[in-house]
Amino acid sequence: MLKSIAYLKAKNSGGWWLIQLTERQKEIVNIVKNQGPITGEAIAQQLNLTRAALRADLTILVMSGLLDAKPRVGYYYAGKTPQSEIAETIKKMKVQDIKSVPIVIGEDVSVYDTIVTLFIEDVGTIFVVGEKGILKGVVSRKDLIKVTMGKSDIYKMPVKMIMTRMPNIVTTSLEESVVDAARKITEHQVDSLPVIRSVNDEGPNKGQPEVVGRITKTNITKLFLELGEGN
């Protein structure tokens, strides 16, 4: 059955207004869905109405994305909603579109200073890098909790002693889709992913993963919020 709610994009606010379809509008959609493409005159004849009487209804249905029209062809069922348009938008978006600045530290930074950085920056994961930002490891809030519960001297212990090292780090790239990055975060149950690119310069770091950003659950949540609000 056709859903009784359609969505109409407001021209002024850029948001989405909820509208209730009338019985006649639902009937029009069913006709077009089953018989389209079909002209406005043919729809009017089936409803025993004039073409002018349907003009407003057809305009609303086209603007809502439920129907579309082509000159000299007629109306056909499109079935678009904000949800489907949002999904299409997200599928086209790349990690580089929503990434944020990475929080990084050196390998020899103490566990204590790492904890301080984590709280000051208000993040759940910190990336450990070497020379020229080459990714060496990742340390999470969970890693730091574990080590502080032990008898280790967190003031002297370097973070490289507890970090997860390459190649056991889940990463993403600038060109990867947001959907694939979000899937990695969900499947691996992590808070964030380092965004990396291979170093192209000649030298010892050529081909190594350079950290150029991060993508987090917060990045993805903000994206959904912005799209949901029509921004």
Foldseek 3Di string as FASTA:
>chain_A
DDDQWFWAQDPPQLAIDIDGDDPLLVVLLVCQAVPPPDALCVSCVVVVHHSVVCVVSVVRCCRRQQWHADPPGHIHGRHDHLVVVLVVVQQPAFCLVQFAAAAEDEQQQFLVVVVVSCVVVVDFKHFYADPQQFTFFIDGPVQSVVVVVDDDDRRRHGPNVRTHGPPVADAAERGHGPVVLVVVCVVVVHFKHFYWDADCDDDPRGGTTHGDGMDGPVSVVVSVVCSNRSD
